[in-house]
Amino acid sequence: MKQFSLTDRGTVRKENQDSALVTEIRARHCYAVIVCDGMGGVHGGKLASELAVSAYMAELRRSLLRSSEKRPALRPLMQAACAAANDVVYRYSCSNTEYAGMGTTLVAATIRGATAELLNVGDSRAYLITRRGVTQLTQDHSMVEEMVQRGEITREEARSHPQKNFITRAVGVDAAVEADSFTVKLHYGDRLLLCSDGLSNALSEETIGEICRGSRGPDQICRKLIQQANARGARDNITAAVVRY
């Protein structure tokens, strides 16, 4: 298994408010991945995403290593790690008026063996890229996604909707947050991509699939995805984290 993550300020924003981390928890034979896209104030978004990544990974690692079970269930531990991240960001925003209301999206995966457990809050996404195609694994927590689900607009209309960046859930905005969870089975050669909306808004699923299948390793995939997103006028920070099974 190979993994890599890369984040880029993009061509428009003055500051990169995305954060990402890929790490191996060797004692538990698993890999953990997280991508966060911060929001709130001049520097609040950057701080929120950095705090969330740090708190999430610290709690996940701590709980995995402390568990007395040989193969502890990953989903509840990831949910607890997300709650810990939410608590850290929320408490910080409440105690510092400069950062009041800051928050961040969060999409994370833990891969053990041929199984990947995922969770998400907000509109940062996880995709599975196989030989057959590209599948979006997560569902955006956004106003536009809700409109699509109600049949008010089409998926294609959602891509250019003026309110597509209005999210309905975020880490750190309230005292508690609900994360959606997913399980996916991996096969040899599959790529798992976690990304911020700076990438998913700029590139179609078809382009993402072509780049992933046409690149050798996760590092090359991340660089090509970000390069293409910038070339196509991405107006946000861009982050990609890839695990190749």
Protein backbone atom coordinates (compact mmCIF):
# COMPACT_ATOMS: atom_id res chain seq x y z
CA MET A 1 0.00 0.00 0.00
CA LYS A 2 1.30 3.44 -0.95
CA GLN A 3 0.01 6.83 0.16
CA PHE A 4 0.65 10.55 -0.31
CA SER A 5 -1.01 13.90 0.37
CA LEU A 6 -0.48 17.35 -1.07
CA THR A 7 -2.11 20.73 -0.54
CA ASP A 8 -1.82 23.89 -2.63
CA ARG A 9 -2.89 27.51 -2.09
CA GLY A 10 -4.23 27.71 -5.62
CA THR A 11 -4.10 30.69 -7.94
CA VAL A 12 -6.63 32.99 -6.25
CA ARG A 13 -6.58 32.71 -2.45
CA LYS A 14 -3.88 34.51 -0.44
CA GLU A 15 -3.76 31.83 2.25
CA ASN A 16 -4.09 28.06 2.24
CA GLN A 17 -6.78 27.08 4.74
CA ASP A 18 -6.72 23.37 3.83
CA SER A 19 -4.86 20.79 5.91
CA ALA A 20 -4.13 17.11 5.29
CA LEU A 21 -2.25 14.20 6.81
CA VAL A 22 -1.58 10.58 5.89
CA THR A 23 0.05 8.37 8.48
CA GLU A 24 0.69 4.72 9.24
CA ILE A 25 -0.28 3.33 12.64
CA ARG A 26 2.06 0.40 12.34
CA ALA A 27 1.23 -1.31 15.62
CA ARG A 28 -2.37 -1.67 14.44
CA HIS A 29 -1.53 -2.46 10.79
CA CYS A 30 -3.54 0.42 9.38
CA TYR A 31 -3.25 3.74 7.60
CA ALA A 32 -5.15 6.88 8.56
CA VAL A 33 -5.94 9.75 6.19
CA ILE A 34 -7.64 13.09 6.81
CA VAL A 35 -8.40 16.22 4.77
CA CYS A 36 -9.90 19.39 6.26
CA ASP A 37 -11.00 22.60 4.54
CA GLY A 38 -11.23 25.47 7.02
CA MET A 39 -13.52 28.48 7.06
CA GLY A 40 -14.01 31.59 9.14
CA GLY A 41 -12.22 34.93 9.20
CA VAL A 42 -8.85 35.96 7.83
CA HIS A 43 -6.89 33.24 9.61
CA GLY A 44 -9.67 31.30 11.37
CA GLY A 45 -10.07 28.74 8.61
CA LYS A 46 -6.39 27.84 8.58
CA LEU A 47 -6.35 27.42 12.35
CA ALA A 48 -9.56 25.41 12.38
CA SER A 49 -8.33 22.90 9.80
CA GLU A 50 -4.94 22.54 11.49
CA LEU A 51 -6.52 22.02 14.92
CA ALA A 52 -8.97 19.48 13.53
CA VAL A 53 -6.31 17.42 11.76
CA SER A 54 -4.07 17.41 14.82
CA ALA A 55 -6.83 16.57 17.33
CA TYR A 56 -8.43 13.91 15.14
CA MET A 57 -5.21 12.05 14.44
CA ALA A 58 -4.01 12.27 18.05
CA GLU A 59 -7.27 10.83 19.39
CA LEU A 60 -7.48 8.10 16.76
CA ARG A 61 -3.91 6.98 17.36
CA ARG A 62 -4.34 7.11 21.14
CA SER A 63 -7.54 5.08 21.16
CA LEU A 64 -6.20 2.48 18.72
CA LEU A 65 -3.04 1.92 20.71
CA ARG A 66 -4.85 1.80 24.05
CA SER A 67 -7.49 -0.68 22.93
CA SER A 68 -7.22 -4.14 24.48
CA GLU A 69 -8.89 -5.72 21.43
CA LYS A 70 -6.74 -7.36 18.79
CA ARG A 71 -8.76 -5.74 15.98
CA PRO A 72 -10.75 -2.88 17.50
CA ALA A 73 -13.77 -1.66 15.54
CA LEU A 74 -12.64 1.38 13.57
CA ARG A 75 -15.92 3.22 13.05
CA PRO A 76 -16.62 4.15 16.70
CA LEU A 77 -13.00 5.17 17.22
CA MET A 78 -13.14 7.43 14.16
CA GLN A 79 -16.42 8.94 15.34
CA ALA A 80 -14.82 9.63 18.73
CA ALA A 81 -11.81 11.20 17.02
CA CYS A 82 -14.12 13.45 15.00
CA ALA A 83 -15.91 14.46 18.20
CA ALA A 84 -12.55 15.29 19.78
CA ALA A 85 -11.64 17.46 16.79
CA ASN A 86 -14.99 19.23 16.99
CA ASP A 87 -14.51 19.89 20.70
CA VAL A 88 -11.04 21.39 20.24
CA VAL A 89 -12.09 23.73 17.42
CA TYR A 90 -15.35 24.73 19.14
CA ARG A 91 -13.69 25.48 22.49
CA TYR A 92 -10.98 27.52 20.82
CA SER A 93 -13.50 29.59 18.86
CA CYS A 94 -15.53 30.22 22.02
CA SER A 95 -12.51 31.41 24.00
CA ASN A 96 -11.02 33.63 21.28
CA THR A 97 -13.29 36.33 19.84
CA GLU A 98 -10.97 36.74 16.85
CA TYR A 99 -11.83 33.20 15.77
CA ALA A 100 -15.51 33.13 16.73
CA GLY A 101 -17.56 30.99 14.36
CA MET A 102 -14.63 29.30 12.67
CA GLY A 103 -15.03 25.72 11.51
CA THR A 104 -13.84 23.16 9.01
CA THR A 105 -14.97 20.33 6.82
CA LEU A 106 -13.51 16.90 7.57
CA VAL A 107 -13.20 13.75 5.51
CA ALA A 108 -11.19 10.84 6.89
CA ALA A 109 -10.40 7.22 6.15
CA THR A 110 -8.78 4.40 8.05
CA ILE A 111 -7.60 1.47 5.95
CA ARG A 112 -6.93 -1.93 7.51
CA GLY A 113 -6.42 -4.90 5.27
CA ALA A 114 -8.83 -4.67 2.34
CA THR A 115 -11.37 -2.53 4.21
CA ALA A 116 -11.57 1.25 4.35
CA GLU A 117 -13.75 2.98 6.95
CA LEU A 118 -14.65 6.56 6.08
CA LEU A 119 -16.45 9.48 7.65
CA ASN A 120 -17.21 13.02 6.54
CA VAL A 121 -18.59 16.34 7.70
CA GLY A 122 -19.17 19.09 5.14
CA ASP A 123 -18.36 18.97 1.44
CA SER A 124 -14.84 17.57 1.31
CA ARG A 125 -15.14 14.25 -0.50
CA ALA A 126 -13.87 10.69 -0.79
CA TYR A 127 -13.74 8.91 -4.14
CA LEU A 128 -12.96 5.31 -5.04
CA ILE A 129 -11.19 4.92 -8.38
CA THR A 130 -11.14 1.44 -9.88
CA ARG A 131 -10.63 0.00 -13.35
CA ARG A 132 -14.37 0.26 -13.89
CA GLY A 133 -14.75 3.93 -13.00
CA VAL A 134 -15.02 6.55 -10.28
CA THR A 135 -17.45 6.40 -7.36
CA GLN A 136 -18.13 9.26 -4.96
CA LEU A 137 -18.27 7.56 -1.57
CA THR A 138 -19.34 10.49 0.59
CA GLN A 139 -22.37 12.76 0.33
CA ASP A 140 -21.92 16.51 0.67
CA HIS A 141 -23.54 18.24 3.62
CA SER A 142 -24.55 21.27 1.59
CA MET A 143 -27.61 23.27 0.64
CA VAL A 144 -27.19 22.36 -3.02
CA GLU A 145 -26.90 18.63 -2.27
CA GLU A 146 -30.15 18.81 -0.33
CA MET A 147 -31.76 20.47 -3.37
CA VAL A 148 -30.50 17.63 -5.57
CA GLN A 149 -31.86 15.02 -3.17
CA ARG A 150 -35.27 16.74 -3.20
CA GLY A 151 -35.26 16.75 -7.00
CA GLU A 152 -35.29 20.55 -7.25
CA ILE A 153 -32.15 20.71 -9.40
CA THR A 154 -30.10 18.19 -11.36
CA ARG A 155 -26.61 17.00 -10.49
CA GLU A 156 -25.28 18.94 -13.47
CA GLU A 157 -27.05 22.14 -12.37
CA ALA A 158 -25.56 21.71 -8.90
CA ARG A 159 -22.02 22.03 -10.27
CA SER A 160 -22.56 25.67 -11.22
CA HIS A 161 -25.18 26.67 -8.67
CA PRO A 162 -24.39 30.02 -6.96
CA GLN A 163 -24.96 28.48 -3.50
CA LYS A 164 -22.89 25.34 -4.03
CA ASN A 165 -20.40 26.38 -1.32
CA PHE A 166 -23.03 26.77 1.44
CA ILE A 167 -22.45 23.78 3.73
CA THR A 168 -24.95 22.60 6.33
CA ARG A 169 -22.52 20.86 8.70
CA ALA A 170 -19.01 21.73 9.84
CA VAL A 171 -16.60 20.67 12.56
CA GLY A 172 -16.26 23.22 15.37
CA VAL A 173 -19.27 25.42 14.64
CA ASP A 174 -21.48 23.84 17.33
CA ALA A 175 -20.80 21.96 20.55
CA ALA A 176 -21.52 18.66 18.79
CA VAL A 177 -21.49 17.49 15.19
CA GLU A 178 -22.79 14.41 13.37
CA ALA A 179 -20.48 12.69 10.90
CA ASP A 180 -21.66 10.23 8.26
CA SER A 181 -19.84 6.89 8.09
CA PHE A 182 -19.17 4.49 5.21
CA THR A 183 -17.40 1.17 4.63
CA VAL A 184 -15.81 0.15 1.34
CA LYS A 185 -13.94 -2.96 0.23
CA LEU A 186 -10.70 -2.42 -1.69
CA HIS A 187 -9.16 -4.54 -4.42
CA TYR A 188 -5.66 -4.61 -5.81
CA GLY A 189 -4.94 -1.46 -7.81
CA ASP A 190 -7.81 0.60 -6.36
CA ARG A 191 -7.13 4.22 -5.47
CA LEU A 192 -8.86 6.00 -2.60
CA LEU A 193 -8.90 9.79 -3.02
CA LEU A 194 -9.81 12.28 -0.30
CA CYS A 195 -10.01 15.91 -1.39
CA SER A 196 -11.26 19.39 -0.62
CA ASP A 197 -13.87 21.07 -2.82
CA GLY A 198 -11.15 23.11 -4.50
CA LEU A 199 -10.37 19.93 -6.40
CA SER A 200 -13.84 18.44 -6.84
CA ASN A 201 -15.28 21.75 -8.07
CA ALA A 202 -12.53 22.13 -10.68
CA LEU A 203 -12.30 18.60 -12.09
CA SER A 204 -14.98 16.24 -13.33
CA GLU A 205 -15.11 12.65 -12.13
CA GLU A 206 -14.02 11.57 -15.59
CA THR A 207 -10.87 13.72 -15.41
CA ILE A 208 -10.13 12.53 -11.88
CA GLY A 209 -10.39 8.93 -13.04
CA GLU A 210 -8.17 9.48 -16.06
CA ILE A 211 -5.45 11.09 -13.96
CA CYS A 212 -5.60 8.44 -11.25
CA ARG A 213 -5.50 5.52 -13.67
CA GLY A 214 -2.83 7.13 -15.84
CA SER A 215 -0.37 7.89 -13.03
CA ARG A 216 2.13 5.56 -11.42
CA GLY A 217 1.89 6.37 -7.73
CA PRO A 218 -0.05 8.48 -5.20
CA ASP A 219 2.55 11.26 -5.28
CA GLN A 220 2.25 11.63 -9.05
CA ILE A 221 -1.56 11.47 -8.83
CA CYS A 222 -1.72 14.27 -6.26
CA ARG A 223 0.62 16.51 -8.22
CA LYS A 224 -1.22 15.98 -11.50
CA LEU A 225 -4.66 16.53 -9.91
CA ILE A 226 -3.58 19.82 -8.36
CA GLN A 227 -1.79 20.91 -11.53
CA GLN A 228 -4.91 20.25 -13.60
CA ALA A 229 -7.21 21.94 -11.08
CA ASN A 230 -5.06 25.08 -11.20
CA ALA A 231 -4.89 24.94 -14.99
CA ARG A 232 -8.68 24.84 -15.14
CA GLY A 233 -9.08 27.93 -13.00
CA ALA A 234 -9.67 26.52 -9.52
CA ARG A 235 -10.72 29.42 -7.30
CA ASP A 236 -10.00 27.78 -3.97
CA ASN A 237 -7.29 25.96 -2.06
CA ILE A 238 -6.73 22.46 -3.44
CA THR A 239 -5.92 19.35 -1.45
CA ALA A 240 -5.62 15.70 -2.43
CA ALA A 241 -4.70 12.64 -0.38
CA VAL A 242 -4.37 9.29 -2.17
CA VAL A 243 -3.96 5.73 -1.00
CA ARG A 244 -3.21 3.06 -3.60
CA TYR A 245 -4.15 -0.38 -2.44
